[in-house]
C-alpha atoms as a PDB file:
ATOM      1  CA  UNK A   1      -0.315  22.698  -7.148  1.00  0.00           C
ATOM      2  CA  UNK A   2       2.604  25.098  -6.647  1.00  0.00           C
ATOM      3  CA  UNK A   3       5.599  24.989  -4.277  1.00  0.00           C
ATOM      4  CA  UNK A   4       3.776  26.971  -1.582  1.00  0.00           C
ATOM      5  CA  UNK A   5       0.471  25.124  -1.767  1.00  0.00           C
ATOM      6  CA  UNK A   6       2.285  21.885  -1.396  1.00  0.00           C
ATOM      7  CA  UNK A   7       4.042  23.258   1.866  1.00  0.00           C
ATOM      8  CA  UNK A   8       0.733  24.476   3.304  1.00  0.00           C
ATOM      9  CA  UNK A   9      -0.704  20.944   2.695  1.00  0.00           C
ATOM     10  CA  UNK A  10       2.318  18.880   3.973  1.00  0.00           C
ATOM     11  CA  UNK A  11       2.287  21.207   7.340  1.00  0.00           C
ATOM     12  CA  UNK A  12      -1.516  20.904   7.453  1.00  0.00           C
ATOM     13  CA  UNK A  13      -1.584  17.116   7.121  1.00  0.00           C
ATOM     14  CA  UNK A  14       1.483  17.144   9.706  1.00  0.00           C
ATOM     15  CA  UNK A  15      -0.411  19.258  12.521  1.00  0.00           C
ATOM     16  CA  UNK A  16      -3.535  16.947  12.052  1.00  0.00           C
ATOM     17  CA  UNK A  17      -1.298  13.805  12.346  1.00  0.00           C
ATOM     18  CA  UNK A  18      -2.818  12.252   9.054  1.00  0.00           C
ATOM     19  CA  UNK A  19      -0.511   9.961   7.372  1.00  0.00           C
ATOM     20  CA  UNK A  20      -2.589   9.160   4.449  1.00  0.00           C
ATOM     21  CA  UNK A  21      -2.647  13.120   3.690  1.00  0.00           C
ATOM     22  CA  UNK A  22       1.017  13.356   4.165  1.00  0.00           C
ATOM     23  CA  UNK A  23       1.729  10.225   1.986  1.00  0.00           C
ATOM     24  CA  UNK A  24      -0.656  11.647  -1.075  1.00  0.00           C
ATOM     25  CA  UNK A  25       1.895  14.616  -1.079  1.00  0.00           C
ATOM     26  CA  UNK A  26       5.027  12.266  -1.411  1.00  0.00           C
ATOM     27  CA  UNK A  27       6.838  10.724  -4.299  1.00  0.00           C
ATOM     28  CA  UNK A  28       6.644   6.709  -4.041  1.00  0.00           C
ATOM     29  CA  UNK A  29      10.544   6.803  -3.453  1.00  0.00           C
ATOM     30  CA  UNK A  30      10.266   9.813  -0.989  1.00  0.00           C
ATOM     31  CA  UNK A  31      12.471   9.761   1.989  1.00  0.00           C
ATOM     32  CA  UNK A  32      12.681  11.841   5.283  1.00  0.00           C
ATOM     33  CA  UNK A  33      15.362  12.900   7.349  1.00  0.00           C
ATOM     34  CA  UNK A  34      15.285  14.015  10.857  1.00  0.00           C
ATOM     35  CA  UNK A  35      18.416  15.724  11.931  1.00  0.00           C
ATOM     36  CA  UNK A  36      17.414  15.742  15.632  1.00  0.00           C
ATOM     37  CA  UNK A  37      17.299  11.888  15.921  1.00  0.00           C
ATOM     38  CA  UNK A  38      19.879  11.051  12.756  1.00  0.00           C
ATOM     39  CA  UNK A  39      17.283   9.203  11.535  1.00  0.00           C
ATOM     40  CA  UNK A  40      16.151   8.649   7.772  1.00  0.00           C
ATOM     41  CA  UNK A  41      13.440   6.549   6.411  1.00  0.00           C
ATOM     42  CA  UNK A  42      11.993   5.934   2.856  1.00  0.00           C
ATOM     43  CA  UNK A  43       9.707   3.977   0.700  1.00  0.00           C
ATOM     44  CA  UNK A  44       7.100   1.556   2.177  1.00  0.00           C
ATOM     45  CA  UNK A  45       8.488   2.278   5.776  1.00  0.00           C
ATOM     46  CA  UNK A  46       7.411   6.057   5.638  1.00  0.00           C
ATOM     47  CA  UNK A  47       3.970   5.067   6.906  1.00  0.00           C
ATOM     48  CA  UNK A  48       4.993   3.419  10.105  1.00  0.00           C
ATOM     49  CA  UNK A  49       7.727   6.151  10.731  1.00  0.00           C
ATOM     50  CA  UNK A  50       5.013   8.751  10.630  1.00  0.00           C
ATOM     51  CA  UNK A  51       2.610   6.718  12.808  1.00  0.00           C
ATOM     52  CA  UNK A  52       5.206   6.002  15.524  1.00  0.00           C
ATOM     53  CA  UNK A  53       6.243  10.076  15.319  1.00  0.00           C
ATOM     54  CA  UNK A  54       2.634  10.951  15.653  1.00  0.00           C
ATOM     55  CA  UNK A  55       2.206   8.692  18.844  1.00  0.00           C
ATOM     56  CA  UNK A  56       4.819  10.964  20.481  1.00  0.00           C
ATOM     57  CA  UNK A  57       3.964  14.460  18.999  1.00  0.00           C
ATOM     58  CA  UNK A  58       2.829  17.210  21.415  1.00  0.00           C
ATOM     59  CA  UNK A  59       3.425  20.397  19.128  1.00  0.00           C
ATOM     60  CA  UNK A  60       2.216  21.749  15.927  1.00  0.00           C
ATOM     61  CA  UNK A  61       3.910  23.853  13.520  1.00  0.00           C
ATOM     62  CA  UNK A  62       3.477  27.097  11.501  1.00  0.00           C
ATOM     63  CA  UNK A  63       5.476  27.943   8.475  1.00  0.00           C
ATOM     64  CA  UNK A  64       6.960  31.065   7.660  1.00  0.00           C
ATOM     65  CA  UNK A  65       6.231  32.621   4.243  1.00  0.00           C
ATOM     66  CA  UNK A  66       9.529  33.666   3.809  1.00  0.00           C
ATOM     67  CA  UNK A  67      10.349  30.633   1.487  1.00  0.00           C
ATOM     68  CA  UNK A  68      13.803  30.237  -0.146  1.00  0.00           C
ATOM     69  CA  UNK A  69      13.630  28.517  -3.426  1.00  0.00           C
ATOM     70  CA  UNK A  70      16.296  25.991  -4.298  1.00  0.00           C
ATOM     71  CA  UNK A  71      17.345  24.110  -7.685  1.00  0.00           C
ATOM     72  CA  UNK A  72      15.380  21.126  -6.679  1.00  0.00           C
ATOM     73  CA  UNK A  73      12.823  22.214  -4.306  1.00  0.00           C
ATOM     74  CA  UNK A  74      12.496  24.672  -1.681  1.00  0.00           C
ATOM     75  CA  UNK A  75      13.378  25.373   2.012  1.00  0.00           C
ATOM     76  CA  UNK A  76      11.447  26.906   4.697  1.00  0.00           C
ATOM     77  CA  UNK A  77      11.518  28.127   8.226  1.00  0.00           C
ATOM     78  CA  UNK A  78       8.983  27.056  10.620  1.00  0.00           C
ATOM     79  CA  UNK A  79       7.688  27.844  14.536  1.00  0.00           C
ATOM     80  CA  UNK A  80       6.849  25.194  16.731  1.00  0.00           C
ATOM     81  CA  UNK A  81       4.165  25.654  19.214  1.00  0.00           C
ATOM     82  CA  UNK A  82       2.577  23.397  22.240  1.00  0.00           C
ATOM     83  CA  UNK A  83      -0.711  22.039  21.493  1.00  0.00           C
ATOM     84  CA  UNK A  84      -2.581  23.889  24.005  1.00  0.00           C
ATOM     85  CA  UNK A  85      -1.233  27.260  22.523  1.00  0.00           C
ATOM     86  CA  UNK A  86      -3.948  27.049  19.467  1.00  0.00           C
ATOM     87  CA  UNK A  87      -3.350  30.522  18.844  1.00  0.00           C
ATOM     88  CA  UNK A  88       0.286  30.479  18.088  1.00  0.00           C
ATOM     89  CA  UNK A  89       1.130  33.008  20.753  1.00  0.00           C
ATOM     90  CA  UNK A  90       4.347  31.572  22.250  1.00  0.00           C
ATOM     91  CA  UNK A  91       6.756  29.596  20.052  1.00  0.00           C
ATOM     92  CA  UNK A  92       8.866  26.963  21.681  1.00  0.00           C
ATOM     93  CA  UNK A  93      11.340  26.957  18.820  1.00  0.00           C
ATOM     94  CA  UNK A  94      12.195  27.493  15.380  1.00  0.00           C
ATOM     95  CA  UNK A  95      13.232  25.098  12.767  1.00  0.00           C
ATOM     96  CA  UNK A  96      13.543  24.521   9.137  1.00  0.00           C
ATOM     97  CA  UNK A  97      12.093  22.124   6.634  1.00  0.00           C
ATOM     98  CA  UNK A  98      14.106  21.418   3.327  1.00  0.00           C
ATOM     99  CA  UNK A  99      11.697  20.052   0.435  1.00  0.00           C
ATOM    100  CA  UNK A 100      13.054  18.396  -2.832  1.00  0.00           C
ATOM    101  CA  UNK A 101      10.521  17.931  -5.546  1.00  0.00           C
ATOM    102  CA  UNK A 102       9.872  15.440  -8.439  1.00  0.00           C
ATOM    103  CA  UNK A 103       6.873  15.616 -10.857  1.00  0.00           C
ATOM    104  CA  UNK A 104       5.057  17.787  -8.526  1.00  0.00           C
ATOM    105  CA  UNK A 105       5.687  15.574  -5.483  1.00  0.00           C
ATOM    106  CA  UNK A 106       7.994  15.795  -2.264  1.00  0.00           C
ATOM    107  CA  UNK A 107      10.850  13.490  -3.170  1.00  0.00           C
ATOM    108  CA  UNK A 108      12.708  14.450   0.169  1.00  0.00           C
ATOM    109  CA  UNK A 109      12.071  16.212   3.344  1.00  0.00           C
ATOM    110  CA  UNK A 110      14.661  17.284   5.887  1.00  0.00           C
ATOM    111  CA  UNK A 111      13.795  18.483   9.189  1.00  0.00           C
ATOM    112  CA  UNK A 112      16.433  20.659  11.114  1.00  0.00           C
ATOM    113  CA  UNK A 113      15.920  21.704  14.731  1.00  0.00           C
ATOM    114  CA  UNK A 114      17.514  24.870  14.414  1.00  0.00           C
ATOM    115  CA  UNK A 115      17.033  28.841  14.233  1.00  0.00           C
ATOM    116  CA  UNK A 116      18.485  29.603  10.700  1.00  0.00           C
ATOM    117  CA  UNK A 117      18.329  32.990   9.228  1.00  0.00           C
ATOM    118  CA  UNK A 118      16.694  33.074   5.572  1.00  0.00           C
ATOM    119  CA  UNK A 119      20.209  33.026   4.150  1.00  0.00           C
ATOM    120  CA  UNK A 120      21.203  29.946   6.197  1.00  0.00           C
ATOM    121  CA  UNK A 121      18.395  27.828   4.693  1.00  0.00           C
ATOM    122  CA  UNK A 122      20.502  27.635   1.249  1.00  0.00           C
ATOM    123  CA  UNK A 123      23.386  26.013   2.946  1.00  0.00           C
ATOM    124  CA  UNK A 124      21.044  23.826   4.777  1.00  0.00           C
ATOM    125  CA  UNK A 125      19.136  22.990   1.804  1.00  0.00           C
ATOM    126  CA  UNK A 126      22.567  21.726   0.250  1.00  0.00           C
ATOM    127  CA  UNK A 127      23.569  19.677   3.415  1.00  0.00           C
ATOM    128  CA  UNK A 128      19.901  18.286   3.289  1.00  0.00           C
ATOM    129  CA  UNK A 129      20.295  16.886  -0.154  1.00  0.00           C
ATOM    130  CA  UNK A 130      23.750  15.408   0.733  1.00  0.00           C
ATOM    131  CA  UNK A 131      22.038  13.640   3.614  1.00  0.00           C
ATOM    132  CA  UNK A 132      19.698  11.753   1.333  1.00  0.00           C
ATOM    133  CA  UNK A 133      22.198  10.801  -1.098  1.00  0.00           C
ATOM    134  CA  UNK A 134      24.467   9.016   1.656  1.00  0.00           C
ATOM    135  CA  UNK A 135      23.972   5.070   1.471  1.00  0.00           C
ATOM    136  CA  UNK A 136      24.831   4.533   5.109  1.00  0.00           C
ATOM    137  CA  UNK A 137      22.175   6.815   6.776  1.00  0.00           C
ATOM    138  CA  UNK A 138      21.858   5.535  10.155  1.00  0.00           C
ATOM    139  CA  UNK A 139      18.908   3.141  11.559  1.00  0.00           C
ATOM    140  CA  UNK A 140      16.629   3.978   8.556  1.00  0.00           C
ATOM    141  CA  UNK A 141      14.176   5.333  10.658  1.00  0.00           C
ATOM    142  CA  UNK A 142      14.044   2.997  13.304  1.00  0.00           C
ATOM    143  CA  UNK A 143      13.501   4.553  16.473  1.00  0.00           C
ATOM    144  CA  UNK A 144      14.226   3.265  20.010  1.00  0.00           C
ATOM    145  CA  UNK A 145      10.238   2.592  20.706  1.00  0.00           C
ATOM    146  CA  UNK A 146       9.750   0.835  17.600  1.00  0.00           C
ATOM    147  CA  UNK A 147      13.413  -1.398  17.832  1.00  0.00           C
ATOM    148  CA  UNK A 148      12.088  -2.336  21.311  1.00  0.00           C
ATOM    149  CA  UNK A 149       8.819  -3.442  19.967  1.00  0.00           C
ATOM    150  CA  UNK A 150      10.167  -5.580  17.410  1.00  0.00           C
ATOM    151  CA  UNK A 151      12.461  -7.158  20.147  1.00  0.00           C
ATOM    152  CA  UNK A 152       9.551  -7.988  22.201  1.00  0.00           C
ATOM    153  CA  UNK A 153       7.605  -9.492  19.421  1.00  0.00           C
ATOM    154  CA  UNK A 154      10.797 -11.649  18.586  1.00  0.00           C
ATOM    155  CA  UNK A 155      11.185 -12.884  22.007  1.00  0.00           C
ATOM    156  CA  UNK A 156       7.282 -13.858  22.139  1.00  0.00           C
ATOM    157  CA  UNK A 157       7.723 -15.482  18.654  1.00  0.00           C
ATOM    158  CA  UNK A 158      10.517 -17.634  20.160  1.00  0.00           C
ATOM    159  CA  UNK A 159       8.589 -18.790  22.897  1.00  0.00           C
ATOM    160  CA  UNK A 160       5.350 -19.514  21.269  1.00  0.00           C
ATOM    161  CA  UNK A 161       7.740 -21.260  18.251  1.00  0.00           C
ATOM    162  CA  UNK A 162       5.051 -21.930  15.686  1.00  0.00           C
ATOM    163  CA  UNK A 163       6.416 -19.644  12.975  1.00  0.00           C
ATOM    164  CA  UNK A 164      10.014 -20.919  13.260  1.00  0.00           C
ATOM    165  CA  UNK A 165       8.581 -24.478  12.616  1.00  0.00           C
ATOM    166  CA  UNK A 166       7.787 -23.567   9.113  1.00  0.00           C
ATOM    167  CA  UNK A 167      10.669 -25.004   7.076  1.00  0.00           C
ATOM    168  CA  UNK A 168      10.048 -22.471   4.312  1.00  0.00           C
ATOM    169  CA  UNK A 169      10.335 -19.653   6.790  1.00  0.00           C
ATOM    170  CA  UNK A 170      11.941 -16.378   5.064  1.00  0.00           C
ATOM    171  CA  UNK A 171      13.010 -13.124   6.198  1.00  0.00           C
ATOM    172  CA  UNK A 172       9.927 -11.621   4.531  1.00  0.00           C
ATOM    173  CA  UNK A 173       7.598 -14.006   6.065  1.00  0.00           C
ATOM    174  CA  UNK A 174       9.109 -13.365   9.523  1.00  0.00           C
ATOM    175  CA  UNK A 175       9.089  -9.247   8.798  1.00  0.00           C
ATOM    176  CA  UNK A 176       5.199  -9.684   7.996  1.00  0.00           C
ATOM    177  CA  UNK A 177       4.707 -11.767  11.015  1.00  0.00           C
ATOM    178  CA  UNK A 178       6.612  -9.175  13.267  1.00  0.00           C
ATOM    179  CA  UNK A 179       4.447  -6.229  11.568  1.00  0.00           C
ATOM    180  CA  UNK A 180       7.794  -4.643  10.577  1.00  0.00           C
ATOM    181  CA  UNK A 181       9.863  -4.112   7.397  1.00  0.00           C
ATOM    182  CA  UNK A 182      12.530  -6.469   6.415  1.00  0.00           C
ATOM    183  CA  UNK A 183      15.186  -3.538   6.738  1.00  0.00           C
ATOM    184  CA  UNK A 184      13.913  -2.831  10.344  1.00  0.00           C
ATOM    185  CA  UNK A 185      14.062  -6.615  11.141  1.00  0.00           C
ATOM    186  CA  UNK A 186      17.796  -6.918   9.686  1.00  0.00           C
ATOM    187  CA  UNK A 187      18.884  -3.978  11.990  1.00  0.00           C
ATOM    188  CA  UNK A 188      17.571  -5.191  14.989  1.00  0.00           C
ATOM    189  CA  UNK A 189      18.856  -8.814  14.257  1.00  0.00           C
ATOM    190  CA  UNK A 190      22.235  -7.727  12.873  1.00  0.00           C
ATOM    191  CA  UNK A 191      22.897  -4.694  14.635  1.00  0.00           C
ATOM    192  CA  UNK A 192      21.197  -4.713  17.980  1.00  0.00           C
ATOM    193  CA  UNK A 193      21.191  -8.819  18.692  1.00  0.00           C
ATOM    194  CA  UNK A 194      24.475  -9.101  17.153  1.00  0.00           C
ATOM    195  CA  UNK A 195      23.285 -12.289  14.994  1.00  0.00           C
ATOM    196  CA  UNK A 196      21.740 -13.060  11.688  1.00  0.00           C
ATOM    197  CA  UNK A 197      18.183 -14.030  10.400  1.00  0.00           C
ATOM    198  CA  UNK A 198      19.600 -17.658   9.846  1.00  0.00           C
ATOM    199  CA  UNK A 199      21.230 -17.755  13.112  1.00  0.00           C
ATOM    200  CA  UNK A 200      18.422 -16.680  15.223  1.00  0.00           C
ATOM    201  CA  UNK A 201      15.823 -19.184  13.266  1.00  0.00           C
ATOM    202  CA  UNK A 202      17.973 -22.071  13.692  1.00  0.00           C
ATOM    203  CA  UNK A 203      18.418 -21.224  17.429  1.00  0.00           C
ATOM    204  CA  UNK A 204      14.977 -21.109  18.197  1.00  0.00           C
ATOM    205  CA  UNK A 205      14.149 -24.286  16.114  1.00  0.00           C
ATOM    206  CA  UNK A 206      17.464 -26.006  18.274  1.00  0.00           C
ATOM    207  CA  UNK A 207      15.863 -24.800  21.488  1.00  0.00           C
ATOM    208  CA  UNK A 208      12.535 -26.422  20.387  1.00  0.00           C
ATOM    209  CA  UNK A 209      14.345 -29.659  19.075  1.00  0.00           C
ATOM    210  CA  UNK A 210      16.356 -29.643  22.535  1.00  0.00           C
ATOM    211  CA  UNK A 211      12.837 -30.135  24.271  1.00  0.00           C
ATOM    212  CA  UNK A 212      11.547 -32.810  22.078  1.00  0.00           C
ATOM    213  CA  UNK A 213      15.068 -34.748  22.692  1.00  0.00           C
ATOM    214  CA  UNK A 214      14.481 -34.511  26.202  1.00  0.00           C
ATOM    215  CA  UNK A 215      10.606 -35.120  26.125  1.00  0.00           C
ATOM    216  CA  UNK A 216      11.093 -38.551  23.814  1.00  0.00           C
ATOM    217  CA  UNK A 217      12.068 -41.857  25.319  1.00  0.00           C
ATOM    218  CA  UNK A 218      15.537 -43.138  24.252  1.00  0.00           C
ATOM    219  CA  UNK A 219      14.056 -45.946  22.326  1.00  0.00           C
ATOM    220  CA  UNK A 220      11.719 -43.663  20.201  1.00  0.00           C
ATOM    221  CA  UNK A 221      14.186 -40.958  19.312  1.00  0.00           C
ATOM    222  CA  UNK A 222      14.957 -40.513  15.590  1.00  0.00           C
ATOM    223  CA  UNK A 223      17.051 -37.447  14.630  1.00  0.00           C
ATOM    224  CA  UNK A 224      15.355 -36.991  11.242  1.00  0.00           C
ATOM    225  CA  UNK A 225      11.890 -36.808  12.732  1.00  0.00           C
ATOM    226  CA  UNK A 226      12.933 -34.459  15.371  1.00  0.00           C
ATOM    227  CA  UNK A 227      14.985 -32.291  12.799  1.00  0.00           C
ATOM    228  CA  UNK A 228      11.568 -32.184  10.701  1.00  0.00           C
ATOM    229  CA  UNK A 229       9.431 -31.441  13.414  1.00  0.00           C
ATOM    230  CA  UNK A 230      11.485 -28.514  14.303  1.00  0.00           C
ATOM    231  CA  UNK A 231      11.588 -26.985  11.129  1.00  0.00           C
ATOM    232  CA  UNK A 232      14.975 -28.033   9.680  1.00  0.00           C
ATOM    233  CA  UNK A 233      15.263 -29.486   6.070  1.00  0.00           C
ATOM    234  CA  UNK A 234      17.718 -31.902   6.922  1.00  0.00           C
ATOM    235  CA  UNK A 235      19.415 -33.689   9.865  1.00  0.00           C
ATOM    236  CA  UNK A 236      22.765 -32.109   8.877  1.00  0.00           C
ATOM    237  CA  UNK A 237      21.296 -28.638   9.600  1.00  0.00           C
ATOM    238  CA  UNK A 238      19.674 -29.653  12.719  1.00  0.00           C
ATOM    239  CA  UNK A 239      22.856 -31.104  14.076  1.00  0.00           C
ATOM    240  CA  UNK A 240      24.906 -28.022  13.248  1.00  0.00           C
ATOM    241  CA  UNK A 241      22.201 -25.712  14.887  1.00  0.00           C
ATOM    242  CA  UNK A 242      22.376 -27.966  18.040  1.00  0.00           C
ATOM    243  CA  UNK A 243      26.125 -27.584  18.067  1.00  0.00           C
ATOM    244  CA  UNK A 244      25.892 -24.070  17.557  1.00  0.00           C
ATOM    245  CA  UNK A 245      23.359 -23.315  20.340  1.00  0.00           C
ATOM    246  CA  UNK A 246      24.570 -25.897  23.019  1.00  0.00           C
ATOM    247  CA  UNK A 247      28.005 -26.751  22.106  1.00  0.00           C
ATOM    248  CA  UNK A 248      27.045 -30.484  21.772  1.00  0.00           C
ATOM    249  CA  UNK A 249      26.161 -33.043  19.289  1.00  0.00           C
ATOM    250  CA  UNK A 250      22.497 -34.270  19.313  1.00  0.00           C
ATOM    251  CA  UNK A 251      23.854 -37.702  20.782  1.00  0.00           C
ATOM    252  CA  UNK A 252      25.682 -35.686  23.627  1.00  0.00           C
ATOM    253  CA  UNK A 253      22.740 -33.935  24.352  1.00  0.00           C
ATOM    254  CA  UNK A 254      20.509 -36.791  24.933  1.00  0.00           C
ATOM    255  CA  UNK A 255      23.315 -38.551  27.110  1.00  0.00           C
ATOM    256  CA  UNK A 256      23.241 -35.410  29.194  1.00  0.00           C
ATOM    257  CA  UNK A 257      19.741 -34.598  29.588  1.00  0.00           C
ATOM    258  CA  UNK A 258      17.511 -37.259  28.659  1.00  0.00           C
ATOM    259  CA  UNK A 259      15.231 -39.103  31.326  1.00  0.00           C
END
């Protein structure tokens, strides 16, 4: 299909909130940049990103046919309308969408909430391509709503504890359990909760182990058994996690809190 048809299909899929139709138009390595939120998302996370956007979307968009062809794709202005303005009589703002293409598919999309002239689109296109080339784009498409969902799921998992008792737990397994990407899980843990995957897992295990220490009678306490039941691979890991979480050794914890 030619560039104009690709753009028409893209806007049609967006207005219909069809994630599957959007992804059919996009390269497997595609990325999406939203200038308003300062977010970039790519690869396998695009589907979740679009789903989250469409939950909040209350507008539809009509492209202007005055395209600007760039070296790597094209740029197009659009008008945004409220959903109840089905005939598109009262635009609420104008914007610009910049596409780069690869093998007949969309490689990058950059969405700008502005009102550019046709000439301005050339400068915006250059800016857009630079954005996708940065390695430090913020948040990788993780909006506040989804971030909060991940944090709530982590809190629930910590209370239920079961997933953390698996000694073979990996960040990939935990991300699958959270129903999020590894990238998003890392971001929430490291940037928003100021911890690491290993520290978080060990803290959850240590808190569970502490309940076992308190509930087990003194003459039946075996640190190796409690470590194993709590998901630790060794007594040394168990002891280190307990010290990091509570500031005391297992012996000290038992002396202070056991019945």
